Amino acid sequence: MPLGPLEIALLVILFIIFFKPKLLSDFGRSLGRLVREYRESVREEKRSSDIYRVADALGIDVEDRSEDEIVEEIRKKLKSTQ
């Protein structure tokens, strides 16, 4: 009789609680770090795509330029239009 996902999860939790209570807190901490890093990478990817979209809308050439250079060019262009 094969074990389902619920039974496996229950066995893992029981194993962690029974043998290593500290392991549970380490697992939670690691999971928290993983979620935080994922959110940061998603945020950074969104920021990057927003920068390129704005640069394209303003007619700024982005070839062979870093994101910092592109942002500076966007700032200059926006200041000149005000």
C-alpha atoms as a PDB file:
ATOM      1  CA  MET A   1       0.000   0.000   0.000  1.00  0.00           C
ATOM      2  CA  PRO A   2       1.700   3.251  -1.139  1.00  0.00           C
ATOM      3  CA  LEU A   3       1.801   6.276   1.151  1.00  0.00           C
ATOM      4  CA  GLY A   4       0.014   9.415   0.039  1.00  0.00           C
ATOM      5  CA  PRO A   5       1.329  12.956   0.411  1.00  0.00           C
ATOM      6  CA  LEU A   6      -0.606  13.512   3.632  1.00  0.00           C
ATOM      7  CA  GLU A   7       0.864  10.420   5.283  1.00  0.00           C
ATOM      8  CA  ILE A   8       4.390  11.352   4.180  1.00  0.00           C
ATOM      9  CA  ALA A   9       3.985  14.898   5.517  1.00  0.00           C
ATOM     10  CA  LEU A  10       2.688  13.549   8.838  1.00  0.00           C
ATOM     11  CA  LEU A  11       5.629  11.139   9.132  1.00  0.00           C
ATOM     12  CA  VAL A  12       8.138  13.893   8.391  1.00  0.00           C
ATOM     13  CA  ILE A  13       6.572  16.204  10.986  1.00  0.00           C
ATOM     14  CA  LEU A  14       6.518  13.451  13.600  1.00  0.00           C
ATOM     15  CA  PHE A  15      10.138  12.573  12.835  1.00  0.00           C
ATOM     16  CA  ILE A  16      11.238  16.194  13.171  1.00  0.00           C
ATOM     17  CA  ILE A  17       9.327  16.732  16.408  1.00  0.00           C
ATOM     18  CA  PHE A  18      10.443  13.446  17.954  1.00  0.00           C
ATOM     19  CA  PHE A  19      14.120  13.478  17.031  1.00  0.00           C
ATOM     20  CA  LYS A  20      15.163  17.088  16.594  1.00  0.00           C
ATOM     21  CA  PRO A  21      12.968  19.937  17.892  1.00  0.00           C
ATOM     22  CA  LYS A  22      15.714  22.406  16.913  1.00  0.00           C
ATOM     23  CA  LEU A  23      15.485  21.078  13.370  1.00  0.00           C
ATOM     24  CA  LEU A  24      11.914  22.369  13.148  1.00  0.00           C
ATOM     25  CA  SER A  25      12.972  25.928  14.004  1.00  0.00           C
ATOM     26  CA  ASP A  26      15.895  25.677  11.558  1.00  0.00           C
ATOM     27  CA  PHE A  27      13.527  24.464   8.869  1.00  0.00           C
ATOM     28  CA  GLY A  28      11.148  27.367   9.535  1.00  0.00           C
ATOM     29  CA  ARG A  29      14.009  29.853   9.431  1.00  0.00           C
ATOM     30  CA  SER A  30      15.307  28.406   6.163  1.00  0.00           C
ATOM     31  CA  LEU A  31      11.834  28.467   4.658  1.00  0.00           C
ATOM     32  CA  GLY A  32      11.474  32.108   5.708  1.00  0.00           C
ATOM     33  CA  ARG A  33      14.774  32.995   4.036  1.00  0.00           C
ATOM     34  CA  LEU A  34      13.732  31.168   0.889  1.00  0.00           C
ATOM     35  CA  VAL A  35      10.430  33.070   0.704  1.00  0.00           C
ATOM     36  CA  ARG A  36      12.182  36.404   1.365  1.00  0.00           C
ATOM     37  CA  GLU A  37      14.793  35.778  -1.359  1.00  0.00           C
ATOM     38  CA  TYR A  38      12.071  34.762  -3.803  1.00  0.00           C
ATOM     39  CA  ARG A  39      10.085  37.939  -3.115  1.00  0.00           C
ATOM     40  CA  GLU A  40      13.207  40.084  -3.498  1.00  0.00           C
ATOM     41  CA  SER A  41      14.056  38.473  -6.830  1.00  0.00           C
ATOM     42  CA  VAL A  42      10.492  38.972  -8.090  1.00  0.00           C
ATOM     43  CA  ARG A  43      10.593  42.602  -6.952  1.00  0.00           C
ATOM     44  CA  GLU A  44      13.959  43.138  -8.657  1.00  0.00           C
ATOM     45  CA  GLU A  45      12.726  41.534 -11.888  1.00  0.00           C
ATOM     46  CA  LYS A  46       9.644  43.771 -11.892  1.00  0.00           C
ATOM     47  CA  ARG A  47      11.793  46.846 -11.252  1.00  0.00           C
ATOM     48  CA  SER A  48      14.097  45.865 -14.092  1.00  0.00           C
ATOM     49  CA  SER A  49      11.241  45.366 -16.556  1.00  0.00           C
ATOM     50  CA  ASP A  50       9.683  48.685 -15.480  1.00  0.00           C
ATOM     51  CA  ILE A  51      12.975  50.494 -16.122  1.00  0.00           C
ATOM     52  CA  TYR A  52      13.245  49.085 -19.643  1.00  0.00           C
ATOM     53  CA  ARG A  53       9.598  49.866 -20.396  1.00  0.00           C
ATOM     54  CA  VAL A  54       9.980  53.497 -19.291  1.00  0.00           C
ATOM     55  CA  ALA A  55      13.239  53.849 -21.211  1.00  0.00           C
ATOM     56  CA  ASP A  56      11.552  52.506 -24.331  1.00  0.00           C
ATOM     57  CA  ALA A  57       8.627  54.900 -23.912  1.00  0.00           C
ATOM     58  CA  LEU A  58      11.056  57.831 -23.598  1.00  0.00           C
ATOM     59  CA  GLY A  59      13.081  56.695 -26.612  1.00  0.00           C
ATOM     60  CA  ILE A  60      16.230  55.933 -24.627  1.00  0.00           C
ATOM     61  CA  ASP A  61      18.710  53.485 -26.143  1.00  0.00           C
ATOM     62  CA  VAL A  62      19.410  50.700 -23.616  1.00  0.00           C
ATOM     63  CA  GLU A  63      22.023  48.734 -25.579  1.00  0.00           C
ATOM     64  CA  ASP A  64      25.283  48.119 -23.686  1.00  0.00           C
ATOM     65  CA  ARG A  65      24.156  50.173 -20.666  1.00  0.00           C
ATOM     66  CA  SER A  66      23.750  49.186 -17.048  1.00  0.00           C
ATOM     67  CA  GLU A  67      20.441  49.670 -15.280  1.00  0.00           C
ATOM     68  CA  ASP A  68      21.966  52.483 -13.214  1.00  0.00           C
ATOM     69  CA  GLU A  69      22.970  54.329 -16.385  1.00  0.00           C
ATOM     70  CA  ILE A  70      19.505  53.852 -17.833  1.00  0.00           C
ATOM     71  CA  VAL A  71      17.861  55.155 -14.647  1.00  0.00           C
ATOM     72  CA  GLU A  72      20.128  58.213 -14.690  1.00  0.00           C
ATOM     73  CA  GLU A  73      19.225  58.879 -18.328  1.00  0.00           C
ATOM     74  CA  ILE A  74      15.509  58.549 -17.475  1.00  0.00           C
ATOM     75  CA  ARG A  75      15.941  61.071 -14.640  1.00  0.00           C
ATOM     76  CA  LYS A  76      17.723  63.516 -16.954  1.00  0.00           C
ATOM     77  CA  LYS A  77      15.055  63.166 -19.599  1.00  0.00           C
ATOM     78  CA  LEU A  78      12.230  63.655 -17.097  1.00  0.00           C
ATOM     79  CA  LYS A  79      13.898  66.741 -15.594  1.00  0.00           C
ATOM     80  CA  SER A  80      14.337  68.270 -19.034  1.00  0.00           C
ATOM     81  CA  THR A  81      10.637  67.835 -19.827  1.00  0.00           C
ATOM     82  CA  GLN A  82       9.462  69.638 -16.674  1.00  0.00           C
END
